[in-house]
C-alpha atoms as a PDB file:
ATOM      1  CA  MET A   1       2.067  12.551 -15.525  1.00  0.00           C
ATOM      2  CA  SER A   2       2.786  13.673 -11.949  1.00  0.00           C
ATOM      3  CA  LYS A   3       0.070  12.768  -9.420  1.00  0.00           C
ATOM      4  CA  ARG A   4      -0.670  14.032  -5.947  1.00  0.00           C
ATOM      5  CA  LEU A   5      -0.712  11.652  -2.998  1.00  0.00           C
ATOM      6  CA  ASN A   6      -4.522  11.444  -2.871  1.00  0.00           C
ATOM      7  CA  GLU A   7      -4.565  10.642  -6.672  1.00  0.00           C
ATOM      8  CA  MET A   8      -2.522   7.482  -6.335  1.00  0.00           C
ATOM      9  CA  ASP A   9      -4.408   4.735  -8.178  1.00  0.00           C
ATOM     10  CA  ASP A  10      -1.652   2.228  -9.184  1.00  0.00           C
ATOM     11  CA  LEU A  11       0.910   0.218  -7.259  1.00  0.00           C
ATOM     12  CA  ARG A  12       3.524   1.649  -9.637  1.00  0.00           C
ATOM     13  CA  ASP A  13       2.875   5.128  -8.102  1.00  0.00           C
ATOM     14  CA  MET A  14       4.737   3.883  -5.004  1.00  0.00           C
ATOM     15  CA  ALA A  15       7.938   3.678  -7.112  1.00  0.00           C
ATOM     16  CA  ARG A  16       7.867   7.461  -7.299  1.00  0.00           C
ATOM     17  CA  PHE A  17       8.282   8.195  -3.612  1.00  0.00           C
ATOM     18  CA  PRO A  18      11.398  10.182  -2.624  1.00  0.00           C
ATOM     19  CA  VAL A  19      14.236   8.117  -1.164  1.00  0.00           C
ATOM     20  CA  PRO A  20      13.636   9.320   2.435  1.00  0.00           C
ATOM     21  CA  ILE A  21      10.160   7.684   2.277  1.00  0.00           C
ATOM     22  CA  TYR A  22      11.801   4.338   1.542  1.00  0.00           C
ATOM     23  CA  VAL A  23      14.342   4.987   4.364  1.00  0.00           C
ATOM     24  CA  GLY A  24      11.466   5.514   6.816  1.00  0.00           C
ATOM     25  CA  ALA A  25       9.365   2.619   5.559  1.00  0.00           C
ATOM     26  CA  THR A  26      12.398   0.242   5.620  1.00  0.00           C
ATOM     27  CA  GLY A  27      13.297   1.432   9.168  1.00  0.00           C
ATOM     28  CA  ASN A  28       9.749   0.681  10.310  1.00  0.00           C
ATOM     29  CA  VAL A  29       9.916  -2.817   8.842  1.00  0.00           C
ATOM     30  CA  LEU A  30      13.340  -3.552  10.301  1.00  0.00           C
ATOM     31  CA  MET A  31      12.250  -2.319  13.734  1.00  0.00           C
ATOM     32  CA  THR A  32       9.183  -4.481  13.607  1.00  0.00           C
ATOM     33  CA  ILE A  33      11.258  -7.508  12.715  1.00  0.00           C
ATOM     34  CA  VAL A  34      13.513  -6.951  15.714  1.00  0.00           C
ATOM     35  CA  LEU A  35      10.469  -6.521  17.945  1.00  0.00           C
ATOM     36  CA  THR A  36       8.941  -9.707  16.445  1.00  0.00           C
ATOM     37  CA  TYR A  37      12.091 -11.501  17.289  1.00  0.00           C
ATOM     38  CA  LEU A  38      11.774 -10.364  20.872  1.00  0.00           C
ATOM     39  CA  VAL A  39       8.057 -11.101  21.178  1.00  0.00           C
ATOM     40  CA  ARG A  40       8.476 -14.553  19.590  1.00  0.00           C
ATOM     41  CA  GLY A  41      11.241 -15.363  22.068  1.00  0.00           C
ATOM     42  CA  ARG A  42       9.078 -14.462  25.055  1.00  0.00           C
ATOM     43  CA  TYR A  43       5.676 -15.765  23.871  1.00  0.00           C
ATOM     44  CA  GLY A  44       4.572 -18.296  21.329  1.00  0.00           C
ATOM     45  CA  GLY A  45       1.541 -19.490  19.561  1.00  0.00           C
ATOM     46  CA  SER A  46      -0.834 -18.374  16.860  1.00  0.00           C
ATOM     47  CA  ARG A  47      -2.873 -16.281  19.268  1.00  0.00           C
ATOM     48  CA  THR A  48       0.166 -14.204  20.164  1.00  0.00           C
ATOM     49  CA  LEU A  49       1.064 -13.783  16.469  1.00  0.00           C
ATOM     50  CA  THR A  50      -2.481 -12.543  15.757  1.00  0.00           C
ATOM     51  CA  ARG A  51      -2.430 -10.101  18.658  1.00  0.00           C
ATOM     52  CA  TRP A  52       1.059  -8.916  17.773  1.00  0.00           C
ATOM     53  CA  GLY A  53       0.235  -8.399  14.107  1.00  0.00           C
ATOM     54  CA  GLY A  54      -2.964  -6.601  14.903  1.00  0.00           C
ATOM     55  CA  GLY A  55      -1.226  -4.428  17.443  1.00  0.00           C
ATOM     56  CA  VAL A  56       1.489  -3.389  15.008  1.00  0.00           C
ATOM     57  CA  ILE A  57      -1.056  -2.530  12.301  1.00  0.00           C
ATOM     58  CA  LEU A  58      -3.116  -0.560  14.834  1.00  0.00           C
ATOM     59  CA  ALA A  59      -0.035   1.309  16.040  1.00  0.00           C
ATOM     60  CA  ASN A  60       0.804   2.216  12.397  1.00  0.00           C
ATOM     61  CA  LEU A  61      -2.733   3.263  11.477  1.00  0.00           C
ATOM     62  CA  LEU A  62      -3.805   5.153  14.629  1.00  0.00           C
ATOM     63  CA  PRO A  63      -1.693   8.229  13.867  1.00  0.00           C
ATOM     64  CA  VAL A  64      -3.036   8.233  10.307  1.00  0.00           C
ATOM     65  CA  ILE A  65      -6.601   8.084  11.542  1.00  0.00           C
ATOM     66  CA  LEU A  66      -6.046  10.890  14.024  1.00  0.00           C
ATOM     67  CA  LEU A  67      -4.265  13.145  11.490  1.00  0.00           C
ATOM     68  CA  ARG A  68      -6.844  12.466   8.803  1.00  0.00           C
ATOM     69  CA  SER A  69      -9.610  13.584  11.182  1.00  0.00           C
ATOM     70  CA  GLY A  70      -8.140  17.065  10.982  1.00  0.00           C
ATOM     71  CA  MET A  71      -8.157  17.241   7.173  1.00  0.00           C
ATOM     72  CA  ASP A  72     -10.693  19.236   5.203  1.00  0.00           C
ATOM     73  CA  GLU A  73     -11.289  20.436   1.595  1.00  0.00           C
ATOM     74  CA  GLY A  74      -8.422  22.938   2.022  1.00  0.00           C
ATOM     75  CA  THR A  75      -5.810  20.255   2.843  1.00  0.00           C
ATOM     76  CA  HIS A  76      -2.767  20.526   0.528  1.00  0.00           C
ATOM     77  CA  TYR A  77      -1.765  17.232  -1.113  1.00  0.00           C
ATOM     78  CA  PRO A  78       1.806  17.388  -2.442  1.00  0.00           C
ATOM     79  CA  ARG A  79       2.986  15.539  -5.568  1.00  0.00           C
ATOM     80  CA  ILE A  80       4.198  12.070  -4.867  1.00  0.00           C
ATOM     81  CA  GLU A  81       7.755  12.977  -5.712  1.00  0.00           C
ATOM     82  CA  GLU A  82       7.645  15.924  -3.250  1.00  0.00           C
ATOM     83  CA  MET A  83       6.093  14.299  -0.187  1.00  0.00           C
ATOM     84  CA  ASP A  84       7.563  14.664   3.272  1.00  0.00           C
ATOM     85  CA  PHE A  85       7.892  11.576   5.418  1.00  0.00           C
ATOM     86  CA  PHE A  86       6.484  13.065   8.591  1.00  0.00           C
ATOM     87  CA  ALA A  87       4.143  15.803   7.267  1.00  0.00           C
ATOM     88  CA  ASP A  88       2.389  13.779   4.552  1.00  0.00           C
ATOM     89  CA  GLN A  89       2.063  10.186   5.753  1.00  0.00           C
ATOM     90  CA  HIS A  90      -1.652  10.559   6.354  1.00  0.00           C
ATOM     91  CA  LYS A  91      -2.453  12.021   2.907  1.00  0.00           C
ATOM     92  CA  PHE A  92      -2.297   8.937   0.707  1.00  0.00           C
ATOM     93  CA  ALA A  93      -5.222   7.487  -1.127  1.00  0.00           C
ATOM     94  CA  ARG A  94      -6.949   5.100   1.270  1.00  0.00           C
ATOM     95  CA  TRP A  95      -6.051   1.877  -0.503  1.00  0.00           C
ATOM     96  CA  VAL A  96      -2.310   2.604   0.098  1.00  0.00           C
ATOM     97  CA  TYR A  97      -2.804   1.932   3.824  1.00  0.00           C
ATOM     98  CA  GLY A  98      -4.243  -1.472   3.024  1.00  0.00           C
ATOM     99  CA  VAL A  99      -1.241  -2.350   0.915  1.00  0.00           C
ATOM    100  CA  ALA A 100       1.202  -1.061   3.549  1.00  0.00           C
ATOM    101  CA  SER A 101      -0.650  -3.045   6.277  1.00  0.00           C
ATOM    102  CA  ALA A 102      -0.503  -6.210   4.177  1.00  0.00           C
ATOM    103  CA  ASN A 103       3.150  -5.653   3.548  1.00  0.00           C
ATOM    104  CA  MET A 104       3.840  -5.315   7.300  1.00  0.00           C
ATOM    105  CA  LEU A 105       1.776  -8.428   8.069  1.00  0.00           C
ATOM    106  CA  PHE A 106       3.839 -10.349   5.503  1.00  0.00           C
ATOM    107  CA  TRP A 107       7.091  -9.386   7.257  1.00  0.00           C
ATOM    108  CA  ILE A 108       5.646 -10.135  10.691  1.00  0.00           C
ATOM    109  CA  SER A 109       4.377 -13.528   9.542  1.00  0.00           C
ATOM    110  CA  LEU A 110       7.570 -14.474   7.717  1.00  0.00           C
ATOM    111  CA  SER A 111       9.679 -13.446  10.634  1.00  0.00           C
ATOM    112  CA  TRP A 112       7.479 -15.383  13.071  1.00  0.00           C
ATOM    113  CA  LEU A 113       7.796 -18.442  10.932  1.00  0.00           C
ATOM    114  CA  VAL A 114      11.572 -18.126  10.620  1.00  0.00           C
ATOM    115  CA  PHE A 115      12.007 -17.447  14.336  1.00  0.00           C
ATOM    116  CA  SER A 116       9.791 -20.419  15.141  1.00  0.00           C
ATOM    117  CA  ARG A 117      12.139 -22.712  13.210  1.00  0.00           C
ATOM    118  CA  ARG A 118      15.351 -21.033  14.275  1.00  0.00           C
ATOM    119  CA  ARG A 119      15.719 -18.209  16.749  1.00  0.00           C
ATOM    120  CA  ASP A 120      19.340 -16.975  16.853  1.00  0.00           C
ATOM    121  CA  GLY A 121      21.400 -14.058  15.691  1.00  0.00           C
ATOM    122  CA  THR A 122      21.939 -15.557  12.205  1.00  0.00           C
ATOM    123  CA  ALA A 123      18.166 -15.882  11.626  1.00  0.00           C
ATOM    124  CA  LEU A 124      17.580 -12.366  12.800  1.00  0.00           C
ATOM    125  CA  ALA A 125      20.406 -10.988  10.642  1.00  0.00           C
ATOM    126  CA  GLY A 126      19.107 -12.918   7.654  1.00  0.00           C
ATOM    127  CA  MET A 127      15.568 -11.588   8.149  1.00  0.00           C
ATOM    128  CA  LEU A 128      16.884  -8.042   8.471  1.00  0.00           C
ATOM    129  CA  LEU A 129      19.030  -8.315   5.376  1.00  0.00           C
ATOM    130  CA  LEU A 130      16.223  -9.764   3.306  1.00  0.00           C
ATOM    131  CA  ALA A 131      13.744  -7.095   4.475  1.00  0.00           C
ATOM    132  CA  PHE A 132      16.261  -4.346   3.865  1.00  0.00           C
ATOM    133  CA  VAL A 133      17.036  -5.450   0.329  1.00  0.00           C
ATOM    134  CA  CYS A 134      13.388  -6.032  -0.619  1.00  0.00           C
ATOM    135  CA  THR A 135      11.738  -3.033   1.131  1.00  0.00           C
ATOM    136  CA  PHE A 136      14.351  -0.627  -0.224  1.00  0.00           C
ATOM    137  CA  PHE A 137      14.313  -2.165  -3.673  1.00  0.00           C
ATOM    138  CA  PRO A 138      12.634   0.701  -5.564  1.00  0.00           C
ATOM    139  CA  ALA A 139      15.162   3.089  -4.071  1.00  0.00           C
ATOM    140  CA  TRP A 140      18.028   0.732  -5.091  1.00  0.00           C
ATOM    141  CA  ILE A 141      16.855   0.954  -8.667  1.00  0.00           C
ATOM    142  CA  ARG A 142      16.735   4.730  -8.613  1.00  0.00           C
ATOM    143  CA  LEU A 143      20.169   5.063  -6.818  1.00  0.00           C
ATOM    144  CA  PHE A 144      21.945   2.676  -9.225  1.00  0.00           C
ATOM    145  CA  LYS A 145      20.298   4.109 -12.327  1.00  0.00           C
ATOM    146  CA  GLY A 146      21.798   7.490 -11.508  1.00  0.00           C
END
């Protein structure tokens, strides 16, 4: 059964996103890892990690909050498989933003940990490769299945 974005009620619904959604989400995670590498190199400590993680989550959620404030009962919610990366990012069921934020905090925390132990090009490349493979995984399945 096809659902609309606001009807998402299961993590498995995220596997139905169009491939461009995974491209955007993966790009966002990869960019955040690179920025985390730069922030970790300049600053250190758990306080900085907390501020950095909170700032990234706020930067990701602020546009959603602003766009959702303009929605009303006439707002069109496309089917999950038909969503547009830019036009529909603010139309998910609310719990999806919690999952996305937790996912981003996972990548920030893991990157911070890795870059605290080893901060060089190899560590950065390894984190980017791991995040690319994992974040794009549902799309990999779809692409290789045909």
